[in-house]
Amino acid sequence: MNARGLIIVDIGKFVKNKRMKNFLILLLMAILAYPVLAQDAQKAKGPVLTLEKSAHDFGDIQQGEIVEHVFKFTNTGTEPLIITNVQASCGCTTPQWTKEPVMPGGKGEIKVGFNSAGRMGIQSKSLPVISNAVNDVVINFTTNVLPKNPQ
């Protein structure tokens, strides 16, 4: 026991054979590393939706403008990816997405439109992507809606 009350074990006192000591150290390292390696292998199975970019800033727009942005993605998983919904929080946001299954390595798009009619100031929207992917995905956009210019 050291000054802090911790028990320090010297493997050398218990195992005199150097080969056995090395074997026990390697065995202990393998046991400790197994859960991490098993987690990584588990994550790789199934579809994985990987966005090129998960957020977009439309900047300043005039009230009444309709703006659109296309979020591109790749299925980096091992099984076909199927998007069933992109949830918009209000009627001002209209998402459209690739409806057919996206094969592993394949690409798809989520197009988001925003109608600024009746909106003012900074607008931030988050749209959860509902799919069979093993990862959770949310796309975000922001904009600053300025008053409409009088004509």
C-alpha atoms as a PDB file:
ATOM      1  CA  MET A   1       0.000   0.000   0.000  1.00  0.00           C
ATOM      2  CA  ASN A   2       1.361   3.436  -0.866  1.00  0.00           C
ATOM      3  CA  ALA A   3       0.921   6.755   0.985  1.00  0.00           C
ATOM      4  CA  ARG A   4      -2.458   7.418  -0.650  1.00  0.00           C
ATOM      5  CA  GLY A   5      -3.913   4.116   0.464  1.00  0.00           C
ATOM      6  CA  LEU A   6      -3.828   2.545  -3.012  1.00  0.00           C
ATOM      7  CA  ILE A   7      -2.719  -1.006  -3.420  1.00  0.00           C
ATOM      8  CA  ILE A   8       0.055  -1.298  -5.970  1.00  0.00           C
ATOM      9  CA  VAL A   9       0.612  -4.757  -7.354  1.00  0.00           C
ATOM     10  CA  ASP A  10       3.939  -5.715  -8.832  1.00  0.00           C
ATOM     11  CA  ILE A  11       3.356  -8.622 -11.195  1.00  0.00           C
ATOM     12  CA  GLY A  12       7.060  -9.432 -10.865  1.00  0.00           C
ATOM     13  CA  LYS A  13       6.574 -10.543  -7.266  1.00  0.00           C
ATOM     14  CA  PHE A  14       3.830 -12.982  -8.221  1.00  0.00           C
ATOM     15  CA  VAL A  15       5.159 -14.257 -11.529  1.00  0.00           C
ATOM     16  CA  LYS A  16       8.849 -15.144 -11.646  1.00  0.00           C
ATOM     17  CA  ASN A  17       8.850 -16.397 -15.260  1.00  0.00           C
ATOM     18  CA  LYS A  18       9.370 -13.464 -17.690  1.00  0.00           C
ATOM     19  CA  ARG A  19       7.434 -15.176 -20.510  1.00  0.00           C
ATOM     20  CA  MET A  20       4.468 -15.758 -18.220  1.00  0.00           C
ATOM     21  CA  LYS A  21       4.589 -12.129 -17.081  1.00  0.00           C
ATOM     22  CA  ASN A  22       4.543 -10.888 -20.702  1.00  0.00           C
ATOM     23  CA  PHE A  23       1.711 -13.273 -21.529  1.00  0.00           C
ATOM     24  CA  LEU A  24      -0.386 -12.026 -18.600  1.00  0.00           C
ATOM     25  CA  ILE A  25       0.188  -8.387 -19.578  1.00  0.00           C
ATOM     26  CA  LEU A  26      -0.871  -9.082 -23.186  1.00  0.00           C
ATOM     27  CA  LEU A  27      -3.890 -11.044 -21.984  1.00  0.00           C
ATOM     28  CA  LEU A  28      -4.953  -8.175 -19.727  1.00  0.00           C
ATOM     29  CA  MET A  29      -4.562  -5.652 -22.583  1.00  0.00           C
ATOM     30  CA  ALA A  30      -6.639  -7.850 -24.911  1.00  0.00           C
ATOM     31  CA  ILE A  31      -9.405  -8.207 -22.328  1.00  0.00           C
ATOM     32  CA  LEU A  32      -9.513  -4.441 -21.817  1.00  0.00           C
ATOM     33  CA  ALA A  33      -9.488  -3.687 -25.583  1.00  0.00           C
ATOM     34  CA  TYR A  34     -12.185  -6.219 -26.571  1.00  0.00           C
ATOM     35  CA  PRO A  35     -15.270  -4.105 -25.665  1.00  0.00           C
ATOM     36  CA  VAL A  36     -13.952  -1.162 -27.698  1.00  0.00           C
ATOM     37  CA  LEU A  37     -13.228  -3.321 -30.737  1.00  0.00           C
ATOM     38  CA  ALA A  38     -16.573  -5.118 -30.462  1.00  0.00           C
ATOM     39  CA  GLN A  39     -18.401  -1.754 -30.363  1.00  0.00           C
ATOM     40  CA  ASP A  40     -16.693  -0.565 -33.543  1.00  0.00           C
ATOM     41  CA  ALA A  41     -17.582  -3.793 -35.340  1.00  0.00           C
ATOM     42  CA  GLN A  42     -21.215  -3.452 -34.223  1.00  0.00           C
ATOM     43  CA  LYS A  43     -21.457   0.133 -35.490  1.00  0.00           C
ATOM     44  CA  ALA A  44     -20.262  -0.843 -38.973  1.00  0.00           C
ATOM     45  CA  LYS A  45     -23.237  -3.177 -39.594  1.00  0.00           C
ATOM     46  CA  GLY A  46     -26.372  -1.726 -41.202  1.00  0.00           C
ATOM     47  CA  PRO A  47     -27.030   1.494 -43.116  1.00  0.00           C
ATOM     48  CA  VAL A  48     -25.205   4.671 -42.065  1.00  0.00           C
ATOM     49  CA  LEU A  49     -26.416   8.094 -43.257  1.00  0.00           C
ATOM     50  CA  THR A  50     -23.379  10.370 -43.640  1.00  0.00           C
ATOM     51  CA  LEU A  51     -24.124  13.979 -44.583  1.00  0.00           C
ATOM     52  CA  GLU A  52     -21.623  16.070 -46.539  1.00  0.00           C
ATOM     53  CA  LYS A  53     -22.801  18.994 -44.406  1.00  0.00           C
ATOM     54  CA  SER A  54     -25.465  18.921 -41.667  1.00  0.00           C
ATOM     55  CA  ALA A  55     -26.141  22.677 -41.380  1.00  0.00           C
ATOM     56  CA  HIS A  56     -26.757  25.565 -43.757  1.00  0.00           C
ATOM     57  CA  ASP A  57     -27.029  29.329 -43.249  1.00  0.00           C
ATOM     58  CA  PHE A  58     -29.180  31.138 -45.830  1.00  0.00           C
ATOM     59  CA  GLY A  59     -27.932  34.476 -44.482  1.00  0.00           C
ATOM     60  CA  ASP A  60     -30.166  37.545 -44.786  1.00  0.00           C
ATOM     61  CA  ILE A  61     -33.312  37.156 -46.887  1.00  0.00           C
ATOM     62  CA  GLN A  62     -36.327  39.399 -47.507  1.00  0.00           C
ATOM     63  CA  GLN A  63     -39.669  38.561 -45.913  1.00  0.00           C
ATOM     64  CA  GLY A  64     -41.740  36.545 -48.396  1.00  0.00           C
ATOM     65  CA  GLU A  65     -38.723  34.965 -50.126  1.00  0.00           C
ATOM     66  CA  ILE A  66     -38.642  31.196 -50.617  1.00  0.00           C
ATOM     67  CA  VAL A  67     -35.168  29.685 -50.331  1.00  0.00           C
ATOM     68  CA  GLU A  68     -33.964  26.104 -50.861  1.00  0.00           C
ATOM     69  CA  HIS A  69     -30.891  24.063 -50.026  1.00  0.00           C
ATOM     70  CA  VAL A  70     -29.916  20.505 -50.941  1.00  0.00           C
ATOM     71  CA  PHE A  71     -28.215  18.406 -48.266  1.00  0.00           C
ATOM     72  CA  LYS A  72     -26.240  15.597 -49.940  1.00  0.00           C
ATOM     73  CA  PHE A  73     -25.532  12.318 -48.190  1.00  0.00           C
ATOM     74  CA  THR A  74     -23.857   8.954 -48.711  1.00  0.00           C
ATOM     75  CA  ASN A  75     -24.814   5.568 -47.296  1.00  0.00           C
ATOM     76  CA  THR A  76     -21.494   4.592 -45.717  1.00  0.00           C
ATOM     77  CA  GLY A  77     -23.000   1.477 -44.131  1.00  0.00           C
ATOM     78  CA  THR A  78     -23.313  -2.121 -45.242  1.00  0.00           C
ATOM     79  CA  GLU A  79     -27.058  -2.346 -45.978  1.00  0.00           C
ATOM     80  CA  PRO A  80     -29.565  -0.305 -48.033  1.00  0.00           C
ATOM     81  CA  LEU A  81     -30.653   2.993 -46.447  1.00  0.00           C
ATOM     82  CA  ILE A  82     -34.328   3.974 -46.506  1.00  0.00           C
ATOM     83  CA  ILE A  83     -35.484   7.427 -45.400  1.00  0.00           C
ATOM     84  CA  THR A  84     -39.123   7.316 -44.311  1.00  0.00           C
ATOM     85  CA  ASN A  85     -39.548  10.924 -43.167  1.00  0.00           C
ATOM     86  CA  VAL A  86     -37.845  14.258 -42.615  1.00  0.00           C
ATOM     87  CA  GLN A  87     -39.770  15.996 -39.848  1.00  0.00           C
ATOM     88  CA  ALA A  88     -40.476  19.686 -40.312  1.00  0.00           C
ATOM     89  CA  SER A  89     -41.670  21.622 -37.271  1.00  0.00           C
ATOM     90  CA  CYS A  90     -44.031  23.912 -39.199  1.00  0.00           C
ATOM     91  CA  GLY A  91     -45.604  24.527 -42.599  1.00  0.00           C
ATOM     92  CA  CYS A  92     -42.946  27.074 -43.558  1.00  0.00           C
ATOM     93  CA  THR A  93     -40.422  24.266 -44.088  1.00  0.00           C
ATOM     94  CA  THR A  94     -40.891  21.710 -46.862  1.00  0.00           C
ATOM     95  CA  PRO A  95     -38.489  18.761 -47.080  1.00  0.00           C
ATOM     96  CA  GLN A  96     -38.168  16.400 -50.057  1.00  0.00           C
ATOM     97  CA  TRP A  97     -35.844  13.399 -50.039  1.00  0.00           C
ATOM     98  CA  THR A  98     -34.649  10.407 -52.013  1.00  0.00           C
ATOM     99  CA  LYS A  99     -37.509   7.905 -51.741  1.00  0.00           C
ATOM    100  CA  GLU A 100     -35.844   4.805 -53.178  1.00  0.00           C
ATOM    101  CA  PRO A 101     -33.408   2.730 -51.091  1.00  0.00           C
ATOM    102  CA  VAL A 102     -29.825   4.033 -51.214  1.00  0.00           C
ATOM    103  CA  MET A 103     -27.415   1.128 -51.596  1.00  0.00           C
ATOM    104  CA  PRO A 104     -24.130   0.988 -49.630  1.00  0.00           C
ATOM    105  CA  GLY A 105     -21.789   3.548 -51.172  1.00  0.00           C
ATOM    106  CA  GLY A 106     -24.733   5.218 -52.926  1.00  0.00           C
ATOM    107  CA  LYS A 107     -25.673   8.870 -52.700  1.00  0.00           C
ATOM    108  CA  GLY A 108     -28.929  10.700 -52.083  1.00  0.00           C
ATOM    109  CA  GLU A 109     -30.334  14.141 -51.348  1.00  0.00           C
ATOM    110  CA  ILE A 110     -32.600  15.931 -48.914  1.00  0.00           C
ATOM    111  CA  LYS A 111     -33.943  19.183 -50.367  1.00  0.00           C
ATOM    112  CA  VAL A 112     -35.267  21.677 -47.830  1.00  0.00           C
ATOM    113  CA  GLY A 113     -37.374  24.687 -48.759  1.00  0.00           C
ATOM    114  CA  PHE A 114     -38.174  27.580 -46.425  1.00  0.00           C
ATOM    115  CA  ASN A 115     -40.972  30.106 -47.016  1.00  0.00           C
ATOM    116  CA  SER A 116     -40.274  33.276 -45.055  1.00  0.00           C
ATOM    117  CA  ALA A 117     -43.789  34.754 -45.496  1.00  0.00           C
ATOM    118  CA  GLY A 118     -45.035  35.925 -42.100  1.00  0.00           C
ATOM    119  CA  ARG A 119     -41.633  35.400 -40.460  1.00  0.00           C
ATOM    120  CA  MET A 120     -39.235  37.999 -39.085  1.00  0.00           C
ATOM    121  CA  GLY A 121     -35.804  37.944 -37.512  1.00  0.00           C
ATOM    122  CA  ILE A 122     -33.520  34.989 -36.968  1.00  0.00           C
ATOM    123  CA  GLN A 123     -35.078  31.643 -37.845  1.00  0.00           C
ATOM    124  CA  SER A 124     -33.420  28.358 -36.818  1.00  0.00           C
ATOM    125  CA  LYS A 125     -34.925  25.041 -37.846  1.00  0.00           C
ATOM    126  CA  SER A 126     -33.920  21.461 -37.009  1.00  0.00           C
ATOM    127  CA  LEU A 127     -35.266  18.583 -39.074  1.00  0.00           C
ATOM    128  CA  PRO A 128     -34.783  15.036 -37.717  1.00  0.00           C
ATOM    129  CA  VAL A 129     -34.247  12.469 -40.470  1.00  0.00           C
ATOM    130  CA  ILE A 130     -36.249   9.290 -39.816  1.00  0.00           C
ATOM    131  CA  SER A 131     -34.650   6.251 -41.450  1.00  0.00           C
ATOM    132  CA  ASN A 132     -33.406   2.734 -40.874  1.00  0.00           C
ATOM    133  CA  ALA A 133     -29.852   4.050 -40.350  1.00  0.00           C
ATOM    134  CA  VAL A 134     -27.958   2.945 -37.260  1.00  0.00           C
ATOM    135  CA  ASN A 135     -27.062   6.594 -36.563  1.00  0.00           C
ATOM    136  CA  ASP A 136     -29.350   9.502 -35.666  1.00  0.00           C
ATOM    137  CA  VAL A 137     -29.276  12.414 -38.107  1.00  0.00           C
ATOM    138  CA  VAL A 138     -30.648  15.947 -37.770  1.00  0.00           C
ATOM    139  CA  ILE A 139     -30.228  18.640 -40.413  1.00  0.00           C
ATOM    140  CA  ASN A 140     -30.298  22.308 -39.434  1.00  0.00           C
ATOM    141  CA  PHE A 141     -30.623  25.651 -41.133  1.00  0.00           C
ATOM    142  CA  THR A 142     -30.721  29.280 -40.069  1.00  0.00           C
ATOM    143  CA  THR A 143     -31.619  32.536 -41.748  1.00  0.00           C
ATOM    144  CA  ASN A 144     -32.282  36.137 -40.859  1.00  0.00           C
ATOM    145  CA  VAL A 145     -35.592  37.387 -42.299  1.00  0.00           C
ATOM    146  CA  LEU A 146     -35.505  41.129 -42.988  1.00  0.00           C
ATOM    147  CA  PRO A 147     -38.566  43.317 -43.563  1.00  0.00           C
ATOM    148  CA  LYS A 148     -39.846  43.360 -47.118  1.00  0.00           C
ATOM    149  CA  ASN A 149     -38.573  46.348 -49.112  1.00  0.00           C
ATOM    150  CA  PRO A 150     -41.387  48.774 -49.989  1.00  0.00           C
ATOM    151  CA  GLN A 151     -41.813  49.132 -53.743  1.00  0.00           C
END
